[in-house]
C-alpha cells in the first residue's frame, strides 16, 4: 500500500510539473492553448474555447496552491 502511495504521489508531481512547464513556457498563451488542444484531440478529447479556458484556470489555480504549500 505504501508503494502505491509513493507511485500516486510521483505521478501527481509529474503531472503538476508538466503543467507548470507548459504554462510557464515563454510562448504566447494562445499558442500554448492551441498545442494543448491539439494534444487532447489526438487522444480523442474535444474541448471548446470555454472548456479550454476553464481547464487552464484549474491548472493555474492548482499550481498556485502547490507553490503556496511549498
N, C-alpha and C. Protein backbone atom coordinates (compact mmCIF):
# COMPACT_ATOMS: atom_id res chain seq x y z
N UNK A 1 0.83 -1.19 0.00
CA UNK A 1 0.00 0.00 0.00
C UNK A 1 0.87 1.26 0.00
N UNK A 2 1.97 1.21 0.77
CA UNK A 2 2.85 2.37 0.85
C UNK A 2 3.50 2.66 -0.51
N UNK A 3 3.86 1.61 -1.24
CA UNK A 3 4.46 1.78 -2.57
C UNK A 3 3.45 2.43 -3.52
N UNK A 4 2.19 2.06 -3.40
CA UNK A 4 1.15 2.66 -4.24
C UNK A 4 1.02 4.14 -3.96
N UNK A 5 1.09 4.53 -2.69
CA UNK A 5 1.02 5.95 -2.34
C UNK A 5 2.19 6.73 -2.92
N UNK A 6 3.38 6.14 -2.88
CA UNK A 6 4.56 6.79 -3.48
C UNK A 6 4.37 6.95 -4.99
N UNK A 7 3.84 5.92 -5.61
CA UNK A 7 3.63 5.97 -7.05
C UNK A 7 2.61 7.06 -7.42
N UNK A 8 1.51 7.11 -6.69
CA UNK A 8 0.48 8.12 -6.94
C UNK A 8 1.05 9.52 -6.72
N UNK A 9 1.84 9.69 -5.68
CA UNK A 9 2.48 10.98 -5.41
C UNK A 9 3.43 11.35 -6.54
N UNK A 10 4.20 10.39 -7.01
CA UNK A 10 5.14 10.63 -8.11
C UNK A 10 4.40 11.05 -9.37
N UNK A 11 3.36 10.32 -9.73
CA UNK A 11 2.60 10.64 -10.94
C UNK A 11 1.94 12.01 -10.81
N UNK A 12 1.37 12.30 -9.65
CA UNK A 12 0.77 13.62 -9.42
C UNK A 12 1.78 14.74 -9.56
N UNK A 13 2.96 14.54 -8.99
CA UNK A 13 4.02 15.54 -9.10
C UNK A 13 4.48 15.72 -10.53
N UNK A 14 4.57 14.62 -11.26
CA UNK A 14 4.97 14.70 -12.67
C UNK A 14 3.94 15.48 -13.48
N UNK A 15 2.66 15.25 -13.22
CA UNK A 15 1.62 15.97 -13.93
C UNK A 15 1.65 17.46 -13.61
N UNK A 16 1.80 17.80 -12.35
CA UNK A 16 1.88 19.20 -11.96
C UNK A 16 3.12 19.85 -12.58
N UNK A 17 4.23 19.15 -12.57
CA UNK A 17 5.45 19.67 -13.17
C UNK A 17 5.31 19.89 -14.66
N UNK A 18 4.70 18.95 -15.34
CA UNK A 18 4.49 19.09 -16.78
C UNK A 18 3.55 20.27 -17.08
N UNK A 19 2.50 20.39 -16.30
CA UNK A 19 1.57 21.51 -16.49
C UNK A 19 2.27 22.84 -16.23
N UNK A 20 3.08 22.89 -15.20
CA UNK A 20 3.82 24.13 -14.90
C UNK A 20 4.77 24.47 -16.03
N UNK A 21 5.44 23.48 -16.56
CA UNK A 21 6.36 23.72 -17.66
C UNK A 21 5.66 24.24 -18.89
N UNK A 22 4.51 23.69 -19.17
CA UNK A 22 3.75 24.14 -20.34
C UNK A 22 3.22 25.55 -20.13
N UNK A 23 2.64 25.78 -18.97
CA UNK A 23 2.01 27.08 -18.73
C UNK A 23 3.02 28.19 -18.52
N UNK A 24 4.21 27.89 -18.05
CA UNK A 24 5.20 28.91 -17.78
C UNK A 24 6.23 29.05 -18.89
N UNK A 25 6.07 28.31 -19.96
CA UNK A 25 6.99 28.39 -21.09
C UNK A 25 6.89 29.76 -21.76
N UNK A 26 7.97 30.21 -22.37
CA UNK A 26 7.97 31.55 -22.98
C UNK A 26 7.29 31.60 -24.34
N UNK A 27 6.11 31.04 -24.45
CA UNK A 27 5.30 31.11 -25.66
C UNK A 27 4.08 31.95 -25.37
N UNK A 28 3.46 32.42 -26.44
CA UNK A 28 2.19 33.12 -26.27
C UNK A 28 1.16 32.14 -25.70
N UNK A 29 0.28 32.66 -24.88
CA UNK A 29 -0.76 31.82 -24.29
C UNK A 29 -1.63 31.15 -25.33
N UNK A 30 -1.95 31.89 -26.39
CA UNK A 30 -2.79 31.32 -27.45
C UNK A 30 -2.09 30.15 -28.13
N UNK A 31 -0.78 30.27 -28.35
CA UNK A 31 -0.02 29.17 -28.96
C UNK A 31 0.00 27.96 -28.05
N UNK A 32 0.20 28.20 -26.77
CA UNK A 32 0.23 27.10 -25.79
C UNK A 32 -1.12 26.41 -25.73
N UNK A 33 -2.19 27.19 -25.68
CA UNK A 33 -3.53 26.60 -25.64
C UNK A 33 -3.79 25.76 -26.88
N UNK A 34 -3.36 26.26 -28.03
CA UNK A 34 -3.56 25.53 -29.28
C UNK A 34 -2.81 24.20 -29.25
N UNK A 35 -1.60 24.21 -28.71
CA UNK A 35 -0.83 22.97 -28.61
C UNK A 35 -1.51 21.98 -27.67
N UNK A 36 -2.06 22.49 -26.57
CA UNK A 36 -2.76 21.62 -25.63
C UNK A 36 -4.00 21.03 -26.28
N UNK A 37 -4.76 21.87 -26.99
CA UNK A 37 -5.97 21.39 -27.66
C UNK A 37 -5.62 20.31 -28.68
N UNK A 38 -4.57 20.52 -29.45
CA UNK A 38 -4.16 19.52 -30.45
C UNK A 38 -3.75 18.21 -29.78
N UNK A 39 -3.01 18.31 -28.67
CA UNK A 39 -2.60 17.10 -27.96
C UNK A 39 -3.82 16.35 -27.42
N UNK A 40 -4.80 17.08 -26.91
CA UNK A 40 -6.02 16.45 -26.40
C UNK A 40 -6.83 15.83 -27.54
N UNK A 41 -6.92 16.53 -28.67
CA UNK A 41 -7.68 16.00 -29.81
C UNK A 41 -7.07 14.70 -30.33
N UNK A 42 -5.75 14.61 -30.32
CA UNK A 42 -5.08 13.38 -30.76
C UNK A 42 -5.49 12.21 -29.88
N UNK A 43 -5.86 12.51 -28.64
CA UNK A 43 -6.28 11.46 -27.70
C UNK A 43 -7.80 11.31 -27.66
N UNK A 44 -8.50 11.98 -28.56
CA UNK A 44 -9.95 11.84 -28.66
C UNK A 44 -10.73 12.72 -27.70
N UNK A 45 -10.09 13.73 -27.12
CA UNK A 45 -10.77 14.62 -26.19
C UNK A 45 -11.04 15.94 -26.90
N UNK A 46 -12.29 16.34 -26.97
CA UNK A 46 -12.67 17.57 -27.65
C UNK A 46 -13.08 18.63 -26.62
N UNK A 47 -12.48 19.80 -26.70
CA UNK A 47 -12.82 20.90 -25.81
C UNK A 47 -13.14 22.14 -26.64
N UNK A 48 -14.20 22.85 -26.24
CA UNK A 48 -14.46 24.13 -26.88
C UNK A 48 -13.66 25.20 -26.15
N UNK A 49 -13.72 26.43 -26.62
CA UNK A 49 -12.91 27.52 -26.05
C UNK A 49 -13.20 27.72 -24.56
N UNK A 50 -14.47 27.68 -24.20
CA UNK A 50 -14.85 27.90 -22.80
C UNK A 50 -14.30 26.79 -21.90
N UNK A 51 -14.40 25.55 -22.35
CA UNK A 51 -13.88 24.42 -21.58
C UNK A 51 -12.36 24.48 -21.47
N UNK A 52 -11.70 24.90 -22.54
CA UNK A 52 -10.25 25.03 -22.51
C UNK A 52 -9.82 26.10 -21.52
N UNK A 53 -10.50 27.23 -21.54
CA UNK A 53 -10.18 28.30 -20.58
C UNK A 53 -10.39 27.82 -19.14
N UNK A 54 -11.45 27.06 -18.92
CA UNK A 54 -11.71 26.52 -17.58
C UNK A 54 -10.60 25.56 -17.16
N UNK A 55 -10.14 24.73 -18.08
CA UNK A 55 -9.05 23.79 -17.79
C UNK A 55 -7.77 24.54 -17.44
N UNK A 56 -7.44 25.57 -18.22
CA UNK A 56 -6.24 26.36 -17.96
C UNK A 56 -6.36 27.05 -16.60
N UNK A 57 -7.52 27.58 -16.28
CA UNK A 57 -7.73 28.23 -14.98
C UNK A 57 -7.57 27.23 -13.84
N UNK A 58 -8.11 26.03 -14.01
CA UNK A 58 -7.97 25.00 -12.98
C UNK A 58 -6.51 24.62 -12.75
N UNK A 59 -5.77 24.45 -13.84
CA UNK A 59 -4.36 24.09 -13.72
C UNK A 59 -3.59 25.21 -13.06
N UNK A 60 -3.86 26.45 -13.47
CA UNK A 60 -3.17 27.60 -12.89
C UNK A 60 -3.46 27.71 -11.40
N UNK A 61 -4.71 27.47 -11.02
CA UNK A 61 -5.09 27.52 -9.60
C UNK A 61 -4.37 26.43 -8.81
N UNK A 62 -4.31 25.23 -9.37
CA UNK A 62 -3.62 24.13 -8.69
C UNK A 62 -2.14 24.44 -8.53
N UNK A 63 -1.54 25.02 -9.55
CA UNK A 63 -0.12 25.38 -9.45
C UNK A 63 0.09 26.45 -8.39
N UNK A 64 -0.82 27.41 -8.31
CA UNK A 64 -0.72 28.44 -7.28
C UNK A 64 -0.82 27.84 -5.89
N UNK A 65 -1.74 26.88 -5.74
CA UNK A 65 -1.89 26.20 -4.44
C UNK A 65 -0.64 25.40 -4.10
N UNK A 66 -0.04 24.76 -5.10
CA UNK A 66 1.16 23.96 -4.87
C UNK A 66 2.33 24.86 -4.45
N UNK A 67 2.43 26.04 -5.07
CA UNK A 67 3.51 26.97 -4.73
C UNK A 67 3.34 27.51 -3.31
N UNK A 68 2.08 27.75 -2.91
CA UNK A 68 1.82 28.28 -1.57
C UNK A 68 2.18 27.27 -0.48
N UNK A 69 1.94 25.99 -0.76
CA UNK A 69 2.23 24.97 0.25
C UNK A 69 3.70 24.58 0.29
N UNK A 70 4.41 24.90 -0.78
CA UNK A 70 5.85 24.52 -0.83
C UNK A 70 6.72 25.42 -0.04
